[in-house]
Amino acid sequence: YRKEKARAVKKARADRNAVAFGRTKAEKEVVKLQQKKQKRDLENHELD
């Protein structure tokens, strides 16, 4: 019972952290690609 309670506490904490900090791999990839595009667009608008 002690171990089951400890597991439940850890699971609840992990769930809270997943909501607060977690993003799926696909979401991370989308953000990464958007940042690359923004950087590329900015560099293309520089004056020579």
All heavy atoms as atom14 arrays in JSON, in Angstrom:
{
  "sequence": "YRKEKARAVKKARADRNAVAFGRTKAEKEVVKLQQKKQKRDLENHELD",
  "atom14_mask": [
    [1, 1, 1, 1, 1, 1, 1, 1, 1, 1, 1, 1, 0, 0],
    [1, 1, 1, 1, 1, 1, 1, 1, 1, 1, 1, 0, 0, 0],
    [1, 1, 1, 1, 1, 1, 1, 1, 1, 0, 0, 0, 0, 0],
    [1, 1, 1, 1, 1, 1, 1, 1, 1, 0, 0, 0, 0, 0],
    [1, 1, 1, 1, 1, 1, 1, 1, 1, 0, 0, 0, 0, 0],
    [1, 1, 1, 1, 1, 0, 0, 0, 0, 0, 0, 0, 0, 0],
    [1, 1, 1, 1, 1, 1, 1, 1, 1, 1, 1, 0, 0, 0],
    [1, 1, 1, 1, 1, 0, 0, 0, 0, 0, 0, 0, 0, 0],
    [1, 1, 1, 1, 1, 1, 1, 0, 0, 0, 0, 0, 0, 0],
    [1, 1, 1, 1, 1, 1, 1, 1, 1, 0, 0, 0, 0, 0],
    [1, 1, 1, 1, 1, 1, 1, 1, 1, 0, 0, 0, 0, 0],
    [1, 1, 1, 1, 1, 0, 0, 0, 0, 0, 0, 0, 0, 0],
    [1, 1, 1, 1, 1, 1, 1, 1, 1, 1, 1, 0, 0, 0],
    [1, 1, 1, 1, 1, 0, 0, 0, 0, 0, 0, 0, 0, 0],
    [1, 1, 1, 1, 1, 1, 1, 1, 0, 0, 0, 0, 0, 0],
    [1, 1, 1, 1, 1, 1, 1, 1, 1, 1, 1, 0, 0, 0],
    [1, 1, 1, 1, 1, 1, 1, 1, 0, 0, 0, 0, 0, 0],
    [1, 1, 1, 1, 1, 0, 0, 0, 0, 0, 0, 0, 0, 0],
    [1, 1, 1, 1, 1, 1, 1, 0, 0, 0, 0, 0, 0, 0],
    [1, 1, 1, 1, 1, 0, 0, 0, 0, 0, 0, 0, 0, 0],
    [1, 1, 1, 1, 1, 1, 1, 1, 1, 1, 1, 0, 0, 0],
    [1, 1, 1, 1, 0, 0, 0, 0, 0, 0, 0, 0, 0, 0],
    [1, 1, 1, 1, 1, 1, 1, 1, 1, 1, 1, 0, 0, 0],
    [1, 1, 1, 1, 1, 1, 1, 0, 0, 0, 0, 0, 0, 0],
    [1, 1, 1, 1, 1, 1, 1, 1, 1, 0, 0, 0, 0, 0],
    [1, 1, 1, 1, 1, 0, 0, 0, 0, 0, 0, 0, 0, 0],
    [1, 1, 1, 1, 1, 1, 1, 1, 1, 0, 0, 0, 0, 0],
    [1, 1, 1, 1, 1, 1, 1, 1, 1, 0, 0, 0, 0, 0],
    [1, 1, 1, 1, 1, 1, 1, 1, 1, 0, 0, 0, 0, 0],
    [1, 1, 1, 1, 1, 1, 1, 0, 0, 0, 0, 0, 0, 0],
    [1, 1, 1, 1, 1, 1, 1, 0, 0, 0, 0, 0, 0, 0],
    [1, 1, 1, 1, 1, 1, 1, 1, 1, 0, 0, 0, 0, 0],
    [1, 1, 1, 1, 1, 1, 1, 1, 0, 0, 0, 0, 0, 0],
    [1, 1, 1, 1, 1, 1, 1, 1, 1, 0, 0, 0, 0, 0],
    [1, 1, 1, 1, 1, 1, 1, 1, 1, 0, 0, 0, 0, 0],
    [1, 1, 1, 1, 1, 1, 1, 1, 1, 0, 0, 0, 0, 0],
    [1, 1, 1, 1, 1, 1, 1, 1, 1, 0, 0, 0, 0, 0],
    [1, 1, 1, 1, 1, 1, 1, 1, 1, 0, 0, 0, 0, 0],
    [1, 1, 1, 1, 1, 1, 1, 1, 1, 0, 0, 0, 0, 0],
    [1, 1, 1, 1, 1, 1, 1, 1, 1, 1, 1, 0, 0, 0],
    [1, 1, 1, 1, 1, 1, 1, 1, 0, 0, 0, 0, 0, 0],
    [1, 1, 1, 1, 1, 1, 1, 1, 0, 0, 0, 0, 0, 0],
    [1, 1, 1, 1, 1, 1, 1, 1, 1, 0, 0, 0, 0, 0],
    [1, 1, 1, 1, 1, 1, 1, 1, 0, 0, 0, 0, 0, 0],
    [1, 1, 1, 1, 1, 1, 1, 1, 1, 1, 0, 0, 0, 0],
    [1, 1, 1, 1, 1, 1, 1, 1, 1, 0, 0, 0, 0, 0],
    [1, 1, 1, 1, 1, 1, 1, 1, 0, 0, 0, 0, 0, 0],
    [1, 1, 1, 1, 1, 1, 1, 1, 0, 0, 0, 0, 0, 0]
  ],
  "atom14_positions": [
    [[0.82, -1.21, 0.0], [0.0, 0.0, 0.0], [0.86, 1.26, 0.0], [0.54, 2.25, -0.66], [-0.96, -0.01, 1.19], [-2.05, -1.03, 1.02], [-2.07, -2.18, 1.78], [-3.04, -0.86, 0.05], [-3.06, -3.14, 1.62], [-4.04, -1.81, -0.13], [-4.04, -2.95, 0.65], [-5.02, -3.89, 0.48], [0.0, 0.0, 0.0], [0.0, 0.0, 0.0]],
    [[1.97, 1.23, 0.72], [2.87, 2.37, 0.76], [3.45, 2.63, -0.62], [3.49, 3.77, -1.1], [3.99, 2.11, 1.77], [5.03, 3.22, 1.85], [6.14, 2.89, 2.84], [6.74, 1.59, 2.65], [7.72, 1.32, 1.78], [8.2, 2.26, 1.01], [8.22, 0.1, 1.7], [0.0, 0.0, 0.0], [0.0, 0.0, 0.0], [0.0, 0.0, 0.0]],
    [[3.87, 1.57, -1.3], [4.44, 1.71, -2.64], [3.39, 2.15, -3.66], [3.67, 2.96, -4.53], [5.1, 0.4, -3.07], [6.37, 0.11, -2.33], [6.99, -1.21, -2.76], [8.24, -1.5, -1.97], [8.88, -2.76, -2.4], [0.0, 0.0, 0.0], [0.0, 0.0, 0.0], [0.0, 0.0, 0.0], [0.0, 0.0, 0.0], [0.0, 0.0, 0.0]],
    [[2.19, 1.63, -3.55], [1.12, 2.04, -4.46], [0.8, 3.52, -4.29], [0.58, 4.23, -5.26], [-0.14, 1.21, -4.22], [-0.04, -0.2, -4.76], [-1.27, -1.05, -4.43], [-2.25, -0.5, -3.87], [-1.23, -2.25, -4.73], [0.0, 0.0, 0.0], [0.0, 0.0, 0.0], [0.0, 0.0, 0.0], [0.0, 0.0, 0.0], [0.0, 0.0, 0.0]],
    [[0.8, 3.99, -3.05], [0.53, 5.4, -2.8], [1.64, 6.26, -3.39], [1.39, 7.31, -4.01], [0.4, 5.66, -1.3], [0.04, 7.08, -0.97], [-0.11, 7.31, 0.51], [-0.41, 8.77, 0.78], [-0.45, 9.07, 2.2], [0.0, 0.0, 0.0], [0.0, 0.0, 0.0], [0.0, 0.0, 0.0], [0.0, 0.0, 0.0], [0.0, 0.0, 0.0]],
    [[2.89, 5.83, -3.21], [4.03, 6.59, -3.76], [3.95, 6.64, -5.28], [4.22, 7.68, -5.89], [5.35, 5.95, -3.31], [0.0, 0.0, 0.0], [0.0, 0.0, 0.0], [0.0, 0.0, 0.0], [0.0, 0.0, 0.0], [0.0, 0.0, 0.0], [0.0, 0.0, 0.0], [0.0, 0.0, 0.0], [0.0, 0.0, 0.0], [0.0, 0.0, 0.0]],
    [[3.57, 5.53, -5.9], [3.42, 5.51, -7.37], [2.34, 6.47, -7.82], [2.49, 7.16, -8.83], [3.09, 4.09, -7.84], [4.28, 3.2, -7.96], [3.91, 1.89, -8.68], [4.75, 0.83, -8.16], [4.34, -0.16, -7.38], [3.09, -0.26, -7.03], [5.19, -1.07, -6.96], [0.0, 0.0, 0.0], [0.0, 0.0, 0.0], [0.0, 0.0, 0.0]],
    [[1.24, 6.49, -7.09], [0.13, 7.37, -7.45], [0.55, 8.84, -7.34], [0.2, 9.66, -8.2], [-1.07, 7.1, -6.55], [0.0, 0.0, 0.0], [0.0, 0.0, 0.0], [0.0, 0.0, 0.0], [0.0, 0.0, 0.0], [0.0, 0.0, 0.0], [0.0, 0.0, 0.0], [0.0, 0.0, 0.0], [0.0, 0.0, 0.0], [0.0, 0.0, 0.0]],
    [[1.33, 9.16, -6.32], [1.8, 10.54, -6.15], [2.73, 10.92, -7.31], [2.63, 12.0, -7.88], [2.51, 10.7, -4.79], [3.24, 12.02, -4.7], [1.5, 10.57, -3.67], [0.0, 0.0, 0.0], [0.0, 0.0, 0.0], [0.0, 0.0, 0.0], [0.0, 0.0, 0.0], [0.0, 0.0, 0.0], [0.0, 0.0, 0.0], [0.0, 0.0, 0.0]],
    [[3.64, 10.02, -7.66], [4.56, 10.29, -8.77], [3.82, 10.44, -10.09], [4.14, 11.29, -10.91], [5.6, 9.17, -8.89], [6.67, 9.22, -7.83], [7.7, 8.12, -8.05], [8.75, 8.13, -6.98], [9.77, 7.08, -7.2], [0.0, 0.0, 0.0], [0.0, 0.0, 0.0], [0.0, 0.0, 0.0], [0.0, 0.0, 0.0], [0.0, 0.0, 0.0]],
    [[2.81, 9.59, -10.3], [2.02, 9.66, -11.54], [1.27, 10.98, -11.62], [1.24, 11.62, -12.69], [1.04, 8.5, -11.59], [0.07, 8.52, -12.74], [0.51, 7.59, -13.84], [-0.56, 7.44, -14.89], [-0.43, 8.41, -15.96], [0.0, 0.0, 0.0], [0.0, 0.0, 0.0], [0.0, 0.0, 0.0], [0.0, 0.0, 0.0], [0.0, 0.0, 0.0]],
    [[0.7, 11.43, -10.52], [-0.02, 12.71, -10.51], [0.93, 13.86, -10.81], [0.59, 14.77, -11.58], [-0.7, 12.9, -9.16], [0.0, 0.0, 0.0], [0.0, 0.0, 0.0], [0.0, 0.0, 0.0], [0.0, 0.0, 0.0], [0.0, 0.0, 0.0], [0.0, 0.0, 0.0], [0.0, 0.0, 0.0], [0.0, 0.0, 0.0], [0.0, 0.0, 0.0]],
    [[2.11, 13.81, -10.24], [3.1, 14.87, -10.5], [3.53, 14.85, -11.96], [3.66, 15.9, -12.6], [4.3, 14.67, -9.59], [5.35, 15.73, -9.75], [6.48, 15.55, -8.75], [7.46, 16.59, -8.95], [8.72, 16.48, -8.6], [9.15, 15.39, -8.01], [9.57, 17.46, -8.81], [0.0, 0.0, 0.0], [0.0, 0.0, 0.0], [0.0, 0.0, 0.0]],
    [[3.75, 13.68, -12.51], [4.14, 13.56, -13.92], [3.04, 14.09, -14.83], [3.34, 14.77, -15.82], [4.46, 12.1, -14.25], [0.0, 0.0, 0.0], [0.0, 0.0, 0.0], [0.0, 0.0, 0.0], [0.0, 0.0, 0.0], [0.0, 0.0, 0.0], [0.0, 0.0, 0.0], [0.0, 0.0, 0.0], [0.0, 0.0, 0.0], [0.0, 0.0, 0.0]],
    [[1.8, 13.81, -14.5], [0.69, 14.31, -15.31], [0.62, 15.84, -15.27], [0.38, 16.49, -16.29], [-0.63, 13.71, -14.84], [-0.73, 12.23, -15.15], [0.03, 11.75, -16.03], [-1.56, 11.55, -14.51], [0.0, 0.0, 0.0], [0.0, 0.0, 0.0], [0.0, 0.0, 0.0], [0.0, 0.0, 0.0], [0.0, 0.0, 0.0], [0.0, 0.0, 0.0]],
    [[0.83, 16.41, -14.09], [0.82, 17.88, -13.97], [1.96, 18.48, -14.79], [1.78, 19.49, -15.48], [0.96, 18.31, -12.51], [-0.29, 18.16, -11.69], [-0.19, 18.9, -10.37], [1.03, 18.6, -9.62], [1.15, 17.64, -8.71], [0.13, 16.88, -8.41], [2.29, 17.46, -8.07], [0.0, 0.0, 0.0], [0.0, 0.0, 0.0], [0.0, 0.0, 0.0]],
    [[3.14, 17.87, -14.74], [4.28, 18.38, -15.51], [4.05, 18.23, -17.0], [4.46, 19.1, -17.77], [5.57, 17.66, -15.1], [6.09, 18.13, -13.78], [5.74, 19.21, -13.31], [6.92, 17.33, -13.15], [0.0, 0.0, 0.0], [0.0, 0.0, 0.0], [0.0, 0.0, 0.0], [0.0, 0.0, 0.0], [0.0, 0.0, 0.0], [0.0, 0.0, 0.0]],
    [[3.42, 17.15, -17.41], [3.15, 16.96, -18.83], [2.23, 18.05, -19.36], [2.41, 18.55, -20.47], [2.53, 15.58, -19.06], [0.0, 0.0, 0.0], [0.0, 0.0, 0.0], [0.0, 0.0, 0.0], [0.0, 0.0, 0.0], [0.0, 0.0, 0.0], [0.0, 0.0, 0.0], [0.0, 0.0, 0.0], [0.0, 0.0, 0.0], [0.0, 0.0, 0.0]],
    [[1.26, 18.44, -18.56], [0.36, 19.51, -18.97], [1.09, 20.85, -18.99], [0.93, 21.65, -19.91], [-0.86, 19.58, -18.02], [-1.68, 20.82, -18.28], [-1.73, 18.34, -18.2], [0.0, 0.0, 0.0], [0.0, 0.0, 0.0], [0.0, 0.0, 0.0], [0.0, 0.0, 0.0], [0.0, 0.0, 0.0], [0.0, 0.0, 0.0], [0.0, 0.0, 0.0]],
    [[1.94, 21.08, -18.01], [2.61, 22.37, -17.89], [3.73, 22.54, -18.9], [3.89, 23.62, -19.47], [3.15, 22.54, -16.47], [0.0, 0.0, 0.0], [0.0, 0.0, 0.0], [0.0, 0.0, 0.0], [0.0, 0.0, 0.0], [0.0, 0.0, 0.0], [0.0, 0.0, 0.0], [0.0, 0.0, 0.0], [0.0, 0.0, 0.0], [0.0, 0.0, 0.0]],
    [[4.51, 21.51, -19.14], [5.73, 21.64, -19.94], [5.74, 20.82, -21.21], [6.54, 21.07, -22.1], [6.96, 21.22, -19.11], [7.12, 21.99, -17.85], [6.89, 21.39, -16.63], [7.48, 23.31, -17.87], [7.05, 22.09, -15.44], [7.63, 24.03, -16.7], [7.41, 23.41, -15.49], [0.0, 0.0, 0.0], [0.0, 0.0, 0.0], [0.0, 0.0, 0.0]],
    [[4.9, 19.83, -21.28], [5.02, 18.86, -22.35], [4.44, 19.32, -23.67], [3.41, 19.97, -23.74], [0.0, 0.0, 0.0], [0.0, 0.0, 0.0], [0.0, 0.0, 0.0], [0.0, 0.0, 0.0], [0.0, 0.0, 0.0], [0.0, 0.0, 0.0], [0.0, 0.0, 0.0], [0.0, 0.0, 0.0], [0.0, 0.0, 0.0], [0.0, 0.0, 0.0]],
    [[5.15, 19.0, -24.72], [4.66, 19.17, -26.07], [5.0, 17.89, -26.82], [5.99, 17.23, -26.53], [5.35, 20.34, -26.77], [5.0, 21.69, -26.2], [5.64, 22.78, -27.01], [7.09, 22.69, -26.88], [7.94, 23.35, -27.66], [7.51, 24.14, -28.6], [9.24, 23.22, -27.49], [0.0, 0.0, 0.0], [0.0, 0.0, 0.0], [0.0, 0.0, 0.0]],
    [[4.18, 17.58, -27.8], [4.46, 16.38, -28.57], [5.65, 16.63, -29.5], [6.03, 17.78, -29.74], [3.25, 15.96, -29.42], [2.99, 16.99, -30.37], [2.03, 15.73, -28.55], [0.0, 0.0, 0.0], [0.0, 0.0, 0.0], [0.0, 0.0, 0.0], [0.0, 0.0, 0.0], [0.0, 0.0, 0.0], [0.0, 0.0, 0.0], [0.0, 0.0, 0.0]],
    [[6.2, 15.57, -30.01], [7.33, 15.69, -30.91], [6.93, 16.47, -32.17], [7.7, 17.28, -32.68], [7.84, 14.29, -31.29], [9.12, 14.29, -32.07], [9.65, 12.88, -32.25], [10.99, 12.9, -32.95], [11.55, 11.55, -33.07], [0.0, 0.0, 0.0], [0.0, 0.0, 0.0], [0.0, 0.0, 0.0], [0.0, 0.0, 0.0], [0.0, 0.0, 0.0]],
    [[5.72, 16.24, -32.64], [5.23, 16.94, -33.82], [5.13, 18.45, -33.57], [5.49, 19.26, -34.43], [3.88, 16.39, -34.24], [0.0, 0.0, 0.0], [0.0, 0.0, 0.0], [0.0, 0.0, 0.0], [0.0, 0.0, 0.0], [0.0, 0.0, 0.0], [0.0, 0.0, 0.0], [0.0, 0.0, 0.0], [0.0, 0.0, 0.0], [0.0, 0.0, 0.0]],
    [[4.64, 18.82, -32.39], [4.54, 20.25, -32.06], [5.93, 20.89, -31.99], [6.11, 22.02, -32.48], [3.83, 20.43, -30.72], [2.35, 20.11, -30.76], [1.72, 20.09, -29.39], [2.44, 19.89, -28.38], [0.49, 20.29, -29.31], [0.0, 0.0, 0.0], [0.0, 0.0, 0.0], [0.0, 0.0, 0.0], [0.0, 0.0, 0.0], [0.0, 0.0, 0.0]],
    [[6.89, 20.2, -31.42], [8.25, 20.73, -31.36], [8.82, 20.9, -32.76], [9.49, 21.9, -33.05], [9.14, 19.78, -30.55], [8.84, 19.75, -29.09], [9.73, 18.74, -28.38], [9.33, 18.55, -26.95], [10.14, 17.53, -26.28], [0.0, 0.0, 0.0], [0.0, 0.0, 0.0], [0.0, 0.0, 0.0], [0.0, 0.0, 0.0], [0.0, 0.0, 0.0]],
    [[8.56, 19.95, -33.64], [9.07, 20.01, -35.01], [8.45, 21.18, -35.76], [9.14, 21.89, -36.51], [8.78, 18.69, -35.74], [9.41, 18.59, -37.1], [10.93, 18.53, -37.06], [11.5, 18.11, -36.03], [11.55, 18.93, -38.06], [0.0, 0.0, 0.0], [0.0, 0.0, 0.0], [0.0, 0.0, 0.0], [0.0, 0.0, 0.0], [0.0, 0.0, 0.0]],
    [[7.15, 21.42, -35.58], [6.47, 22.54, -36.24], [7.09, 23.86, -35.81], [7.39, 24.72, -36.64], [4.96, 22.51, -35.94], [4.3, 23.82, -36.35], [4.3, 21.35, -36.66], [0.0, 0.0, 0.0], [0.0, 0.0, 0.0], [0.0, 0.0, 0.0], [0.0, 0.0, 0.0], [0.0, 0.0, 0.0], [0.0, 0.0, 0.0], [0.0, 0.0, 0.0]],
    [[7.33, 24.03, -34.52], [7.92, 25.26, -34.01], [9.33, 25.43, -34.57], [9.72, 26.53, -34.97], [7.92, 25.26, -32.47], [8.75, 26.4, -31.92], [6.5, 25.32, -31.95], [0.0, 0.0, 0.0], [0.0, 0.0, 0.0], [0.0, 0.0, 0.0], [0.0, 0.0, 0.0], [0.0, 0.0, 0.0], [0.0, 0.0, 0.0], [0.0, 0.0, 0.0]],
    [[10.09, 24.36, -34.61], [11.45, 24.41, -35.13], [11.46, 24.85, -36.59], [12.25, 25.71, -37.0], [12.1, 23.03, -34.98], [13.54, 22.96, -35.4], [14.07, 21.54, -35.15], [15.44, 21.36, -35.72], [15.91, 19.98, -35.53], [0.0, 0.0, 0.0], [0.0, 0.0, 0.0], [0.0, 0.0, 0.0], [0.0, 0.0, 0.0], [0.0, 0.0, 0.0]],
    [[10.56, 24.29, -37.39], [10.48, 24.66, -38.8], [10.03, 26.1, -38.98], [10.53, 26.81, -39.86], [9.54, 23.7, -39.55], [10.04, 22.26, -39.68], [8.97, 21.38, -40.3], [11.32, 22.21, -40.5], [0.0, 0.0, 0.0], [0.0, 0.0, 0.0], [0.0, 0.0, 0.0], [0.0, 0.0, 0.0], [0.0, 0.0, 0.0], [0.0, 0.0, 0.0]],
    [[9.1, 26.56, -38.17], [8.65, 27.95, -38.24], [9.79, 28.91, -37.92], [9.95, 29.93, -38.58], [7.48, 28.19, -37.28], [6.18, 27.58, -37.73], [5.09, 27.71, -36.68], [5.36, 27.97, -35.51], [3.85, 27.52, -37.1], [0.0, 0.0, 0.0], [0.0, 0.0, 0.0], [0.0, 0.0, 0.0], [0.0, 0.0, 0.0], [0.0, 0.0, 0.0]],
    [[10.58, 28.58, -36.91], [11.71, 29.43, -36.55], [12.74, 29.48, -37.66], [13.3, 30.54, -37.96], [12.34, 28.95, -35.25], [11.49, 29.2, -34.03], [12.06, 28.58, -32.77], [12.95, 27.73, -32.83], [11.54, 28.99, -31.63], [0.0, 0.0, 0.0], [0.0, 0.0, 0.0], [0.0, 0.0, 0.0], [0.0, 0.0, 0.0], [0.0, 0.0, 0.0]],
    [[13.01, 28.34, -38.29], [13.95, 28.3, -39.41], [13.46, 29.19, -40.56], [14.22, 29.93, -41.16], [14.13, 26.87, -39.92], [15.09, 26.05, -39.12], [15.29, 24.69, -39.79], [16.3, 23.87, -39.07], [16.51, 22.57, -39.72], [0.0, 0.0, 0.0], [0.0, 0.0, 0.0], [0.0, 0.0, 0.0], [0.0, 0.0, 0.0], [0.0, 0.0, 0.0]],
    [[12.16, 29.1, -40.87], [11.59, 29.89, -41.96], [11.67, 31.38, -41.63], [12.03, 32.19, -42.49], [10.15, 29.49, -42.22], [9.52, 30.25, -43.39], [8.1, 29.85, -43.62], [7.47, 30.49, -44.81], [7.74, 31.88, -45.03], [0.0, 0.0, 0.0], [0.0, 0.0, 0.0], [0.0, 0.0, 0.0], [0.0, 0.0, 0.0], [0.0, 0.0, 0.0]],
    [[11.35, 31.76, -40.4], [11.42, 33.16, -40.01], [12.85, 33.68, -40.12], [13.08, 34.79, -40.61], [10.91, 33.34, -38.58], [9.42, 33.17, -38.45], [8.96, 33.2, -37.0], [9.77, 33.18, -36.07], [7.64, 33.24, -36.81], [0.0, 0.0, 0.0], [0.0, 0.0, 0.0], [0.0, 0.0, 0.0], [0.0, 0.0, 0.0], [0.0, 0.0, 0.0]],
    [[13.81, 32.89, -39.7], [15.22, 33.3, -39.78], [15.65, 33.44, -41.23], [16.3, 34.42, -41.61], [16.1, 32.28, -39.06], [17.57, 32.66, -39.01], [18.36, 31.64, -38.23], [19.83, 32.03, -38.23], [20.65, 31.05, -37.52], [0.0, 0.0, 0.0], [0.0, 0.0, 0.0], [0.0, 0.0, 0.0], [0.0, 0.0, 0.0], [0.0, 0.0, 0.0]],
    [[15.26, 32.5, -42.06], [15.61, 32.54, -43.48], [14.98, 33.76, -44.15], [15.64, 34.46, -44.92], [15.14, 31.24, -44.15], [15.58, 31.08, -45.59], [15.15, 29.75, -46.18], [13.7, 29.64, -46.21], [12.99, 28.71, -45.58], [13.59, 27.79, -44.85], [11.68, 28.68, -45.68], [0.0, 0.0, 0.0], [0.0, 0.0, 0.0], [0.0, 0.0, 0.0]],
    [[13.71, 34.03, -43.84], [13.04, 35.19, -44.43], [13.7, 36.5, -44.0], [13.85, 37.42, -44.8], [11.55, 35.2, -44.04], [10.76, 34.09, -44.7], [11.29, 33.47, -45.66], [9.63, 33.83, -44.25], [0.0, 0.0, 0.0], [0.0, 0.0, 0.0], [0.0, 0.0, 0.0], [0.0, 0.0, 0.0], [0.0, 0.0, 0.0], [0.0, 0.0, 0.0]],
    [[14.1, 36.58, -42.74], [14.75, 37.78, -42.25], [16.1, 37.99, -42.94], [16.43, 39.12, -43.33], [14.94, 37.68, -40.73], [15.58, 38.89, -40.05], [14.66, 40.11, -40.21], [15.84, 38.62, -38.59], [0.0, 0.0, 0.0], [0.0, 0.0, 0.0], [0.0, 0.0, 0.0], [0.0, 0.0, 0.0], [0.0, 0.0, 0.0], [0.0, 0.0, 0.0]],
    [[16.85, 36.92, -43.11], [18.15, 37.03, -43.78], [17.98, 37.43, -45.24], [18.81, 38.15, -45.79], [18.92, 35.71, -43.67], [19.42, 35.42, -42.27], [20.06, 34.06, -42.13], [20.03, 33.27, -43.11], [20.57, 33.77, -41.04], [0.0, 0.0, 0.0], [0.0, 0.0, 0.0], [0.0, 0.0, 0.0], [0.0, 0.0, 0.0], [0.0, 0.0, 0.0]],
    [[16.92, 37.01, -45.88], [16.69, 37.35, -47.28], [16.28, 38.81, -47.46], [16.41, 39.36, -48.55], [15.62, 36.45, -47.88], [16.11, 35.05, -48.1], [17.31, 34.83, -48.22], [15.19, 34.1, -48.13], [0.0, 0.0, 0.0], [0.0, 0.0, 0.0], [0.0, 0.0, 0.0], [0.0, 0.0, 0.0], [0.0, 0.0, 0.0], [0.0, 0.0, 0.0]],
    [[15.82, 39.46, -46.4], [15.41, 40.85, -46.49], [16.5, 41.84, -46.15], [16.3, 43.04, -46.16], [14.18, 41.11, -45.59], [12.93, 40.57, -46.16], [12.45, 39.32, -45.86], [12.05, 41.09, -47.05], [11.35, 39.1, -46.52], [11.06, 40.16, -47.26], [0.0, 0.0, 0.0], [0.0, 0.0, 0.0], [0.0, 0.0, 0.0], [0.0, 0.0, 0.0]],
    [[17.69, 41.33, -45.82], [18.8, 42.23, -45.5], [19.3, 42.93, -46.76], [19.25, 42.38, -47.86], [19.94, 41.44, -44.87], [19.64, 40.93, -43.49], [20.8, 40.14, -42.89], [21.81, 39.93, -43.58], [20.67, 39.75, -41.73], [0.0, 0.0, 0.0], [0.0, 0.0, 0.0], [0.0, 0.0, 0.0], [0.0, 0.0, 0.0], [0.0, 0.0, 0.0]],
    [[19.74, 44.14, -46.58], [20.27, 44.91, -47.7], [21.73, 44.55, -47.93], [22.51, 44.44, -46.98], [20.15, 46.42, -47.42], [18.74, 46.96, -47.31], [18.8, 48.43, -46.93], [17.99, 46.8, -48.62], [0.0, 0.0, 0.0], [0.0, 0.0, 0.0], [0.0, 0.0, 0.0], [0.0, 0.0, 0.0], [0.0, 0.0, 0.0], [0.0, 0.0, 0.0]],
    [[22.1, 44.37, -49.18], [23.49, 44.1, -49.53], [24.2, 45.43, -49.75], [23.67, 46.34, -50.35], [23.57, 43.26, -50.8], [23.01, 41.88, -50.6], [23.12, 41.37, -49.46], [22.47, 41.3, -51.56], [0.0, 0.0, 0.0], [0.0, 0.0, 0.0], [0.0, 0.0, 0.0], [0.0, 0.0, 0.0], [0.0, 0.0, 0.0], [0.0, 0.0, 0.0]]
  ]
}
